[in-house]
Amino acid sequence: MNCVAPGSTLAEENPDEATVKMRTAAAGERALKRVQRPEDLVGAVVFFASAGSDFITGQSLVVDGGAYMH
């Protein structure tokens, strides 16, 4: 089983000002300096659902815009 591990994602339907401020601050701390949105996770999910990942198991794919780099 594999999983997608998202970073701080602006997924709220009607975010309040504090939520937007928190997500914007998180964007400033990563390599890609923009707010992450749910559509940023689509590619990773589609990949794991495709035949391209048939021989991959037990992995976590971190989709966080470079907040955690190793």
N, C-alpha and C. Protein backbone atom coordinates (compact mmCIF):
# COMPACT_ATOMS: atom_id res chain seq x y z
N MET A 1 0.84 -1.17 0.00
CA MET A 1 0.00 0.00 0.00
C MET A 1 0.89 1.24 0.00
N ASN A 2 0.51 2.22 -0.79
CA ASN A 2 1.22 3.49 -0.89
C ASN A 2 0.34 4.61 -0.36
N CYS A 3 0.94 5.76 -0.12
CA CYS A 3 0.13 6.89 0.32
C CYS A 3 0.70 8.20 -0.22
N VAL A 4 -0.17 9.18 -0.31
CA VAL A 4 0.22 10.54 -0.67
C VAL A 4 0.17 11.36 0.62
N ALA A 5 1.27 12.04 0.92
CA ALA A 5 1.37 12.85 2.13
C ALA A 5 1.41 14.32 1.74
N PRO A 6 0.26 15.00 1.81
CA PRO A 6 0.22 16.40 1.40
C PRO A 6 0.80 17.33 2.46
N GLY A 7 1.26 18.48 1.98
CA GLY A 7 1.69 19.53 2.90
C GLY A 7 0.49 20.37 3.29
N SER A 8 0.77 21.56 3.78
CA SER A 8 -0.28 22.48 4.20
C SER A 8 -1.05 22.94 2.97
N THR A 9 -2.28 22.43 2.83
CA THR A 9 -3.08 22.63 1.62
C THR A 9 -4.30 23.49 1.92
N LEU A 10 -4.52 24.50 1.11
CA LEU A 10 -5.71 25.34 1.24
C LEU A 10 -6.88 24.58 0.63
N ALA A 11 -7.52 23.74 1.43
CA ALA A 11 -8.59 22.87 0.96
C ALA A 11 -9.96 23.29 1.50
N GLU A 12 -9.98 24.27 2.37
CA GLU A 12 -11.24 24.73 2.93
C GLU A 12 -12.08 25.40 1.85
N GLU A 13 -13.37 25.14 1.84
CA GLU A 13 -14.26 25.72 0.82
C GLU A 13 -14.36 27.24 0.96
N ASN A 14 -14.54 27.71 2.16
CA ASN A 14 -14.62 29.15 2.44
C ASN A 14 -13.68 29.48 3.59
N PRO A 15 -12.37 29.54 3.31
CA PRO A 15 -11.42 29.75 4.39
C PRO A 15 -11.56 31.14 5.01
N ASP A 16 -11.41 31.20 6.32
CA ASP A 16 -11.42 32.50 6.98
C ASP A 16 -10.04 33.14 6.84
N GLU A 17 -9.94 34.37 7.27
CA GLU A 17 -8.70 35.13 7.12
C GLU A 17 -7.53 34.46 7.84
N ALA A 18 -7.78 33.91 9.01
CA ALA A 18 -6.72 33.26 9.78
C ALA A 18 -6.18 32.02 9.05
N THR A 19 -7.06 31.27 8.43
CA THR A 19 -6.64 30.07 7.69
C THR A 19 -5.79 30.46 6.48
N VAL A 20 -6.24 31.46 5.74
CA VAL A 20 -5.47 31.92 4.58
C VAL A 20 -4.10 32.43 5.02
N LYS A 21 -4.06 33.15 6.13
CA LYS A 21 -2.79 33.67 6.65
C LYS A 21 -1.86 32.51 7.03
N MET A 22 -2.40 31.47 7.67
CA MET A 22 -1.59 30.31 8.07
C MET A 22 -1.04 29.59 6.84
N ARG A 23 -1.88 29.36 5.82
CA ARG A 23 -1.44 28.66 4.60
C ARG A 23 -0.41 29.50 3.84
N THR A 24 -0.58 30.82 3.81
CA THR A 24 0.36 31.69 3.14
C THR A 24 1.71 31.69 3.86
N ALA A 25 1.67 31.68 5.18
CA ALA A 25 2.92 31.61 5.96
C ALA A 25 3.65 30.30 5.68
N ALA A 26 2.91 29.20 5.57
CA ALA A 26 3.52 27.90 5.27
C ALA A 26 4.20 27.94 3.90
N ALA A 27 3.60 28.64 2.94
CA ALA A 27 4.18 28.75 1.61
C ALA A 27 5.52 29.45 1.65
N GLY A 28 5.69 30.39 2.54
CA GLY A 28 6.95 31.11 2.66
C GLY A 28 8.09 30.27 3.18
N GLU A 29 7.78 29.13 3.76
CA GLU A 29 8.79 28.27 4.37
C GLU A 29 9.22 27.11 3.47
N ARG A 30 8.75 27.05 2.23
CA ARG A 30 9.10 25.92 1.36
C ARG A 30 9.73 26.40 0.06
N ALA A 31 10.20 25.47 -0.73
CA ALA A 31 10.89 25.80 -1.98
C ALA A 31 9.95 26.46 -2.99
N LEU A 32 8.74 25.96 -3.14
CA LEU A 32 7.77 26.55 -4.06
C LEU A 32 6.94 27.55 -3.26
N LYS A 33 7.11 28.80 -3.54
CA LYS A 33 6.55 29.89 -2.73
C LYS A 33 5.12 30.27 -3.15
N ARG A 34 4.23 29.30 -3.09
CA ARG A 34 2.82 29.59 -3.36
C ARG A 34 1.97 28.68 -2.50
N VAL A 35 0.73 29.04 -2.33
CA VAL A 35 -0.19 28.25 -1.52
C VAL A 35 -0.52 26.96 -2.27
N GLN A 36 -0.44 25.85 -1.57
CA GLN A 36 -0.78 24.55 -2.15
C GLN A 36 -2.30 24.39 -2.18
N ARG A 37 -2.81 23.89 -3.29
CA ARG A 37 -4.24 23.67 -3.47
C ARG A 37 -4.49 22.19 -3.71
N PRO A 38 -5.71 21.73 -3.50
CA PRO A 38 -6.01 20.30 -3.69
C PRO A 38 -5.60 19.77 -5.06
N GLU A 39 -5.73 20.58 -6.11
CA GLU A 39 -5.37 20.10 -7.45
C GLU A 39 -3.88 19.79 -7.59
N ASP A 40 -3.06 20.29 -6.68
CA ASP A 40 -1.64 19.97 -6.68
C ASP A 40 -1.38 18.51 -6.30
N LEU A 41 -2.36 17.84 -5.73
CA LEU A 41 -2.21 16.45 -5.32
C LEU A 41 -2.67 15.46 -6.39
N VAL A 42 -3.36 15.95 -7.39
CA VAL A 42 -3.97 15.07 -8.39
C VAL A 42 -2.94 14.20 -9.10
N GLY A 43 -1.84 14.78 -9.54
CA GLY A 43 -0.82 14.00 -10.26
C GLY A 43 -0.30 12.83 -9.47
N ALA A 44 -0.05 13.04 -8.18
CA ALA A 44 0.46 11.95 -7.33
C ALA A 44 -0.57 10.84 -7.18
N VAL A 45 -1.83 11.22 -6.98
CA VAL A 45 -2.90 10.23 -6.82
C VAL A 45 -3.09 9.45 -8.12
N VAL A 46 -3.10 10.16 -9.25
CA VAL A 46 -3.26 9.49 -10.55
C VAL A 46 -2.10 8.55 -10.80
N PHE A 47 -0.89 8.96 -10.46
CA PHE A 47 0.27 8.08 -10.63
C PHE A 47 0.10 6.79 -9.83
N PHE A 48 -0.25 6.89 -8.56
CA PHE A 48 -0.42 5.69 -7.74
C PHE A 48 -1.57 4.82 -8.23
N ALA A 49 -2.56 5.41 -8.88
CA ALA A 49 -3.69 4.64 -9.42
C ALA A 49 -3.39 4.04 -10.78
N SER A 50 -2.27 4.42 -11.38
CA SER A 50 -1.95 3.97 -12.73
C SER A 50 -1.05 2.73 -12.72
N ALA A 51 -0.92 2.14 -13.91
CA ALA A 51 -0.03 0.99 -14.07
C ALA A 51 1.43 1.37 -13.86
N GLY A 52 1.74 2.68 -13.97
CA GLY A 52 3.11 3.14 -13.76
C GLY A 52 3.64 2.88 -12.36
N SER A 53 2.76 2.64 -11.42
CA SER A 53 3.19 2.39 -10.03
C SER A 53 3.00 0.93 -9.62
N ASP A 54 2.77 0.03 -10.59
CA ASP A 54 2.47 -1.36 -10.28
C ASP A 54 3.53 -2.07 -9.44
N PHE A 55 4.79 -1.67 -9.55
CA PHE A 55 5.85 -2.36 -8.81
C PHE A 55 6.38 -1.49 -7.67
N ILE A 56 5.56 -0.55 -7.23
CA ILE A 56 5.91 0.32 -6.10
C ILE A 56 4.97 -0.03 -4.96
N THR A 57 5.54 -0.29 -3.80
CA THR A 57 4.70 -0.61 -2.65
C THR A 57 5.34 -0.10 -1.36
N GLY A 58 4.52 0.25 -0.41
CA GLY A 58 5.02 0.70 0.90
C GLY A 58 5.66 2.07 0.88
N GLN A 59 5.28 2.92 -0.07
CA GLN A 59 5.92 4.22 -0.20
C GLN A 59 4.98 5.36 0.15
N SER A 60 5.56 6.43 0.66
CA SER A 60 4.83 7.68 0.90
C SER A 60 5.39 8.71 -0.06
N LEU A 61 4.52 9.31 -0.85
CA LEU A 61 4.93 10.35 -1.78
C LEU A 61 4.55 11.69 -1.15
N VAL A 62 5.56 12.44 -0.75
CA VAL A 62 5.35 13.72 -0.09
C VAL A 62 5.12 14.79 -1.16
N VAL A 63 3.97 15.43 -1.11
CA VAL A 63 3.60 16.48 -2.06
C VAL A 63 3.40 17.75 -1.23
N ASP A 64 4.50 18.47 -1.01
CA ASP A 64 4.43 19.62 -0.10
C ASP A 64 5.16 20.84 -0.62
N GLY A 65 5.48 20.86 -1.91
CA GLY A 65 6.13 22.03 -2.49
C GLY A 65 7.55 22.25 -2.00
N GLY A 66 8.17 21.23 -1.44
CA GLY A 66 9.53 21.36 -0.98
C GLY A 66 9.69 21.80 0.46
N ALA A 67 8.64 21.66 1.26
CA ALA A 67 8.75 22.00 2.69
C ALA A 67 9.67 21.03 3.40
N TYR A 68 9.63 19.79 2.98
CA TYR A 68 10.49 18.75 3.57
C TYR A 68 11.34 18.17 2.46
N MET A 69 12.60 18.54 2.45
CA MET A 69 13.50 18.04 1.42
C MET A 69 14.64 17.29 2.09
N HIS A 70 14.98 16.16 1.49
CA HIS A 70 16.09 15.36 2.03
C HIS A 70 16.95 14.84 0.93
